[in-house]
């Protein structure tokens, strides 16, 4: 949808705490002279400055690699999958314009605006740089991303505020875990509304959570309850993905999921069993294959009525999340 833009805000996790710990360590180290401290300070501070720059460069590089000129055509097209979400670049003064604008870049803090269809992919790309770039003397620095996908003419200040709140939401979910995470919202929110308020108003029915956001980034698409699982498996698996294989031929059944999950896991399970009579290929990935919900009843502290489903998270992205992979 060309009327949507993504405001992506990325911030490093616990960087101040890591610096404080380094300072305490040097203060307690009787062998650390002033020259050593100054040298190490320059090394990690310069590395942090480069980290944001490298993340932005990775975002630009990933986008540029997917820009192609189709045969016998004067347009430049952003490629990726699914094919129906590919889009043409716009031209200004004879130059092709990338659908990407950096807004803020400072050390471990990065904000950019892009076409809404590539916002999630580029956020994942930037987080990938953080998780693979250790900082000298401080160690691994992870990050969180907040992605606000809004209408083109929405007030930018409000969209940025929402992206910042979503980033903070991802950080709260991680707590003490040394990992990357991201949270997102599509559409406007009420002035002053919290992320928790949005979720309670839009994503809860009959005591059940209709979203699993925020998500940890995850290491691979087989790691359940992570972003890479949601994007790579629940959406795009060739066998059980909602926009691939058998499901791509049964869009009417995919569109039935939002109402079914609001009714609850029993309704989803009954529908899946009925659909499989007609087409055995209509299956969801594990561990939600039975009824579309993660089963938290094995955890004593979580009530059975507080089960959660990733289906609506995936369905909201099904027609707007372009994966910038080779077609």
Protein backbone atom coordinates (compact mmCIF):
# COMPACT_ATOMS: atom_id res chain seq x y z
CA UNK A 1 0.00 0.00 0.00
CA UNK A 2 1.76 3.17 -1.19
CA UNK A 3 -0.21 5.27 1.29
CA UNK A 4 1.69 3.78 4.25
CA UNK A 5 5.09 4.73 5.61
CA UNK A 6 7.11 3.07 8.33
CA UNK A 7 8.81 5.03 11.10
CA UNK A 8 11.53 2.76 12.48
CA UNK A 9 13.26 3.61 15.77
CA UNK A 10 16.17 1.45 16.97
CA UNK A 11 17.98 1.83 20.27
CA UNK A 12 20.74 -0.21 21.91
CA UNK A 13 19.99 -2.17 25.06
CA UNK A 14 21.64 -1.31 28.39
CA UNK A 15 24.52 0.60 26.79
CA UNK A 16 24.74 3.01 29.73
CA UNK A 17 24.87 0.09 32.15
CA UNK A 18 27.70 -1.54 30.20
CA UNK A 19 29.66 1.71 30.24
CA UNK A 20 29.08 2.10 33.99
CA UNK A 21 30.34 -1.43 34.60
CA UNK A 22 33.43 -0.73 32.50
CA UNK A 23 34.14 2.45 34.49
CA UNK A 24 33.77 0.56 37.80
CA UNK A 25 36.08 -2.15 36.55
CA UNK A 26 38.77 0.37 35.61
CA UNK A 27 38.39 2.22 38.90
CA UNK A 28 39.00 -1.03 40.79
CA UNK A 29 41.88 -2.15 38.54
CA UNK A 30 45.13 -0.91 40.06
CA UNK A 31 47.06 -1.88 36.91
CA UNK A 32 44.94 0.31 34.60
CA UNK A 33 46.92 3.50 33.98
CA UNK A 34 45.46 6.66 32.44
CA UNK A 35 46.80 5.92 28.96
CA UNK A 36 45.18 2.47 28.92
CA UNK A 37 41.84 3.86 30.08
CA UNK A 38 41.91 6.64 27.48
CA UNK A 39 42.82 4.19 24.71
CA UNK A 40 40.06 1.75 25.62
CA UNK A 41 37.58 4.61 25.95
CA UNK A 42 38.36 5.77 22.41
CA UNK A 43 38.11 2.23 21.10
CA UNK A 44 34.65 1.45 22.46
CA UNK A 45 33.22 4.95 21.89
CA UNK A 46 34.33 4.93 18.26
CA UNK A 47 32.96 1.40 17.84
CA UNK A 48 29.56 2.49 19.17
CA UNK A 49 29.53 5.43 16.74
CA UNK A 50 30.34 3.06 13.88
CA UNK A 51 27.63 0.63 14.97
CA UNK A 52 24.76 2.95 14.07
CA UNK A 53 26.46 3.90 10.81
CA UNK A 54 27.00 0.24 9.90
CA UNK A 55 23.37 -0.58 10.69
CA UNK A 56 22.16 2.22 8.42
CA UNK A 57 24.60 1.18 5.69
CA UNK A 58 23.32 -2.41 5.92
CA UNK A 59 19.76 -1.13 5.50
CA UNK A 60 20.72 0.91 2.42
CA UNK A 61 22.72 -1.97 0.94
CA UNK A 62 19.90 -4.48 1.39
CA UNK A 63 17.44 -2.16 -0.31
CA UNK A 64 19.81 -1.30 -3.18
CA UNK A 65 20.52 -4.97 -3.88
CA UNK A 66 16.83 -5.51 -4.52
CA UNK A 67 16.37 -2.64 -7.00
CA UNK A 68 16.22 -3.96 -10.55
CA UNK A 69 15.24 -2.68 -13.98
CA UNK A 70 12.91 -5.18 -15.66
CA UNK A 71 13.68 -6.05 -19.27
CA UNK A 72 12.31 -3.61 -21.86
CA UNK A 73 11.16 -1.22 -19.17
CA UNK A 74 12.36 2.21 -18.07
CA UNK A 75 11.32 1.76 -14.45
CA UNK A 76 13.34 0.73 -11.41
CA UNK A 77 11.52 -1.81 -9.23
CA UNK A 78 12.04 -2.94 -5.64
CA UNK A 79 12.06 -6.73 -5.86
CA UNK A 80 11.29 -9.28 -3.17
CA UNK A 81 8.57 -11.65 -2.12
CA UNK A 82 5.69 -12.03 -2.45
CA UNK A 83 5.79 -10.74 -6.02
CA UNK A 84 2.50 -8.85 -5.69
CA UNK A 85 4.07 -6.45 -3.18
CA UNK A 86 6.93 -5.34 -5.43
CA UNK A 87 6.80 -1.65 -6.29
CA UNK A 88 8.37 0.89 -8.62
CA UNK A 89 10.68 3.66 -7.49
CA UNK A 90 9.82 7.28 -8.08
CA UNK A 91 12.02 9.61 -10.07
CA UNK A 92 13.05 13.16 -9.20
CA UNK A 93 15.27 15.41 -11.34
CA UNK A 94 16.22 12.41 -13.45
CA UNK A 95 17.35 10.34 -10.46
CA UNK A 96 15.68 7.33 -8.88
CA UNK A 97 14.75 7.94 -5.25
CA UNK A 98 15.13 5.21 -2.64
CA UNK A 99 12.03 4.92 -0.40
CA UNK A 100 14.19 5.54 2.67
CA UNK A 101 15.08 8.65 4.69
CA UNK A 102 17.41 8.65 7.72
CA UNK A 103 16.07 10.92 10.46
CA UNK A 104 18.38 10.37 13.43
CA UNK A 105 21.77 8.71 13.70
CA UNK A 106 23.82 8.83 16.86
CA UNK A 107 25.83 5.90 18.16
CA UNK A 108 23.44 3.10 19.08
CA UNK A 109 20.38 5.24 18.26
CA UNK A 110 18.93 5.09 14.73
CA UNK A 111 15.65 6.35 13.27
CA UNK A 112 14.57 6.24 9.65
CA UNK A 113 11.41 6.54 7.57
CA UNK A 114 10.69 4.18 4.69
CA UNK A 115 7.94 2.72 2.55
CA UNK A 116 5.64 0.81 4.88
CA UNK A 117 6.02 -2.40 2.88
CA UNK A 118 9.71 -2.72 3.70
CA UNK A 119 9.71 -1.35 7.26
CA UNK A 120 9.76 -4.72 9.03
CA UNK A 121 12.44 -6.17 6.75
CA UNK A 122 14.73 -3.17 7.21
CA UNK A 123 14.19 -3.14 10.97
CA UNK A 124 15.26 -6.80 11.06
CA UNK A 125 18.31 -5.95 8.93
CA UNK A 126 19.43 -3.20 11.30
CA UNK A 127 18.95 -5.39 14.37
CA UNK A 128 21.00 -8.09 12.67
CA UNK A 129 24.00 -5.74 12.60
CA UNK A 130 23.73 -5.10 16.34
CA UNK A 131 23.55 -8.79 17.25
CA UNK A 132 26.68 -9.62 15.23
CA UNK A 133 28.91 -6.63 16.11
CA UNK A 134 30.58 -6.90 19.54
CA UNK A 135 32.03 -3.69 20.97
CA UNK A 136 35.64 -3.70 22.27
CA UNK A 137 35.80 -3.91 26.09
CA UNK A 138 31.98 -3.77 26.40
CA UNK A 139 31.02 -6.98 24.64
CA UNK A 140 27.87 -7.68 22.67
CA UNK A 141 25.37 -4.83 22.39
CA UNK A 142 21.88 -5.86 21.40
CA UNK A 143 19.08 -3.51 20.37
CA UNK A 144 15.32 -3.20 20.10
CA UNK A 145 13.22 -1.73 17.32
CA UNK A 146 9.84 -0.02 17.32
CA UNK A 147 8.04 0.21 13.98
CA UNK A 148 5.04 2.50 13.52
CA UNK A 149 3.32 1.99 10.16
CA UNK A 150 1.04 4.95 9.51
CA UNK A 151 -0.63 6.87 6.71
CA UNK A 152 1.65 9.12 4.67
CA UNK A 153 -0.05 12.29 5.91
CA UNK A 154 -0.14 11.29 9.59
CA UNK A 155 1.63 13.76 11.93
CA UNK A 156 5.26 12.69 12.06
CA UNK A 157 5.73 13.67 15.71
CA UNK A 158 2.94 11.34 16.77
CA UNK A 159 4.26 8.51 14.57
CA UNK A 160 7.76 8.91 16.02
CA UNK A 161 6.34 8.95 19.55
CA UNK A 162 4.53 5.69 18.80
CA UNK A 163 7.70 4.10 17.36
CA UNK A 164 9.60 5.14 20.49
CA UNK A 165 6.90 3.61 22.72
CA UNK A 166 7.00 0.40 20.70
CA UNK A 167 10.79 0.23 21.08
CA UNK A 168 10.38 0.65 24.84
CA UNK A 169 7.76 -2.10 24.80
CA UNK A 170 10.25 -4.48 23.18
CA UNK A 171 12.86 -3.57 25.81
CA UNK A 172 10.43 -4.31 28.66
CA UNK A 173 9.71 -7.72 27.19
CA UNK A 174 13.40 -8.63 27.11
CA UNK A 175 14.08 -7.53 30.69
CA UNK A 176 17.52 -8.95 31.48
CA UNK A 177 17.87 -11.12 28.36
CA UNK A 178 20.79 -10.31 26.08
CA UNK A 179 18.81 -10.41 22.85
CA UNK A 180 17.25 -8.26 20.14
CA UNK A 181 13.50 -7.69 19.88
CA UNK A 182 10.98 -5.66 17.92
CA UNK A 183 7.44 -4.42 18.31
CA UNK A 184 5.17 -2.79 15.77
CA UNK A 185 1.75 -1.29 15.20
CA UNK A 186 -0.10 -0.61 11.96
CA UNK A 187 -2.39 2.42 11.99
CA UNK A 188 -2.89 5.44 14.18
CA UNK A 189 -3.37 5.43 17.91
CA UNK A 190 -5.26 7.73 20.24
CA UNK A 191 -3.31 10.73 21.57
CA UNK A 192 -1.40 9.74 24.69
CA UNK A 193 -2.43 6.08 24.44
CA UNK A 194 0.08 3.53 25.68
CA UNK A 195 1.10 0.40 23.79
CA UNK A 196 -0.53 -1.65 26.53
CA UNK A 197 -3.73 0.37 26.06
CA UNK A 198 -3.73 -0.33 22.32
CA UNK A 199 -3.26 -4.05 22.92
CA UNK A 200 -6.00 -4.20 25.53
CA UNK A 201 -8.44 -2.32 23.29
CA UNK A 202 -7.72 -4.05 19.97
CA UNK A 203 -6.11 -7.40 20.75
CA UNK A 204 -7.95 -9.03 23.61
CA UNK A 205 -11.17 -11.05 23.46
CA UNK A 206 -12.74 -13.37 26.03
CA UNK A 207 -9.63 -13.13 28.19
CA UNK A 208 -7.35 -14.25 25.37
CA UNK A 209 -4.48 -12.29 23.86
CA UNK A 210 -4.85 -11.92 20.10
CA UNK A 211 -1.25 -10.81 19.64
CA UNK A 212 2.17 -12.09 20.67
CA UNK A 213 3.92 -8.76 20.15
CA UNK A 214 6.63 -7.82 20.92
CA UNK A 215 8.78 -10.58 19.43
CA UNK A 216 12.38 -11.55 20.05
CA UNK A 217 14.34 -11.39 16.80
CA UNK A 218 15.37 -15.05 17.03
CA UNK A 219 18.25 -16.85 15.39
CA UNK A 220 16.41 -18.72 12.63
CA UNK A 221 12.95 -19.27 11.18
CA UNK A 222 12.50 -22.54 13.10
CA UNK A 223 12.83 -20.83 16.50
CA UNK A 224 9.19 -20.47 17.53
CA UNK A 225 7.68 -17.31 19.02
CA UNK A 226 10.29 -15.11 17.33
CA UNK A 227 10.08 -12.59 14.51
CA UNK A 228 12.09 -14.79 12.17
CA UNK A 229 9.65 -17.64 12.82
CA UNK A 230 6.64 -15.40 12.21
CA UNK A 231 8.05 -14.02 8.95
CA UNK A 232 9.92 -17.05 7.65
CA UNK A 233 7.61 -19.86 8.76
CA UNK A 234 4.09 -18.71 9.65
CA UNK A 235 3.96 -16.33 6.68
CA UNK A 236 6.36 -17.74 4.10
CA UNK A 237 6.99 -21.45 4.67
CA UNK A 238 6.45 -23.28 1.38
CA UNK A 239 4.37 -25.92 3.16
CA UNK A 240 2.55 -24.23 6.06
CA UNK A 241 2.97 -20.48 5.39
CA UNK A 242 -0.22 -18.41 5.22
CA UNK A 243 0.80 -16.78 1.93
CA UNK A 244 2.50 -19.78 0.35
CA UNK A 245 1.51 -23.28 -0.77
CA UNK A 246 -2.01 -24.49 -0.07
CA UNK A 247 -3.03 -21.43 1.94
CA UNK A 248 -2.24 -19.11 -0.98
CA UNK A 249 -4.92 -20.95 -2.95
CA UNK A 250 -7.49 -20.58 -0.15
CA UNK A 251 -7.47 -16.87 0.66
CA UNK A 252 -11.09 -17.01 1.79
CA UNK A 253 -10.13 -19.39 4.57
CA UNK A 254 -7.12 -17.29 5.57
CA UNK A 255 -9.42 -14.27 5.83
CA UNK A 256 -11.68 -16.26 8.18
CA UNK A 257 -8.99 -16.55 10.86
CA UNK A 258 -9.51 -13.14 12.57
CA UNK A 259 -13.11 -13.96 13.46
CA UNK A 260 -12.22 -17.52 14.42
CA UNK A 261 -9.44 -16.53 16.83
CA UNK A 262 -11.76 -14.01 18.50
CA UNK A 263 -14.15 -16.88 19.17
CA UNK A 264 -11.31 -18.93 20.64
CA UNK A 265 -9.07 -21.95 20.07
CA UNK A 266 -12.00 -24.39 19.86
CA UNK A 267 -13.41 -22.52 16.85
CA UNK A 268 -10.01 -22.47 15.13
CA UNK A 269 -9.54 -26.19 15.78
CA UNK A 270 -13.00 -27.06 14.42
CA UNK A 271 -12.41 -25.00 11.26
CA UNK A 272 -8.99 -26.56 10.65
CA UNK A 273 -10.40 -30.06 11.01
CA UNK A 274 -13.22 -29.29 8.57
CA UNK A 275 -10.87 -27.69 6.03
CA UNK A 276 -8.46 -30.63 6.15
CA UNK A 277 -11.25 -32.94 4.99
CA UNK A 278 -11.22 -31.00 1.70
CA UNK A 279 -7.47 -30.32 1.53
CA UNK A 280 -5.06 -32.11 3.87
CA UNK A 281 -2.36 -29.56 3.10
CA UNK A 282 -4.16 -26.81 5.05
CA UNK A 283 -2.05 -26.97 8.18
CA UNK A 284 -0.51 -24.44 10.54
CA UNK A 285 3.09 -24.79 11.75
CA UNK A 286 4.00 -26.25 15.12
CA UNK A 287 3.43 -25.41 17.92
CA UNK A 288 0.11 -23.79 16.87
CA UNK A 289 -0.94 -26.56 14.48
CA UNK A 290 -3.83 -27.82 16.63
CA UNK A 291 -5.81 -24.64 17.29
CA UNK A 292 -3.77 -21.57 16.29
CA UNK A 293 -2.80 -20.70 19.88
CA UNK A 294 0.39 -21.18 21.85
CA UNK A 295 -0.49 -23.53 24.70
CA UNK A 296 0.58 -21.91 27.96
CA UNK A 297 -1.39 -24.30 30.16
CA UNK A 298 1.87 -26.19 30.78
CA UNK A 299 3.04 -23.13 32.74
CA UNK A 300 1.30 -23.05 36.17
CA UNK A 301 1.55 -19.26 36.51
CA UNK A 302 -0.43 -18.59 33.32
CA UNK A 303 -4.19 -19.11 33.28
CA UNK A 304 -5.60 -21.22 30.45
CA UNK A 305 -7.83 -18.32 29.40
CA UNK A 306 -4.75 -16.14 28.80
CA UNK A 307 -3.56 -18.11 25.78
CA UNK A 308 -2.15 -16.06 22.93
CA UNK A 309 -2.09 -16.42 19.17
CA UNK A 310 0.29 -15.07 16.50
CA UNK A 311 -2.27 -15.44 13.72
CA UNK A 312 -3.53 -11.86 13.70
CA UNK A 313 0.05 -10.57 13.85
CA UNK A 314 0.75 -12.53 10.67
CA UNK A 315 -2.53 -11.66 8.98
CA UNK A 316 -1.96 -7.92 9.43
CA UNK A 317 1.35 -8.31 7.57
CA UNK A 318 0.20 -10.69 4.86
CA UNK A 319 -0.49 -7.96 2.29
CA UNK A 320 2.08 -5.37 3.34
CA UNK A 321 5.31 -7.12 4.44
CA UNK A 322 7.74 -7.33 1.51
CA UNK A 323 10.73 -9.56 2.22
CA UNK A 324 13.78 -8.18 0.41
CA UNK A 325 15.20 -11.53 -0.56
CA UNK A 326 16.22 -12.69 -4.01
CA UNK A 327 13.05 -13.54 -5.95
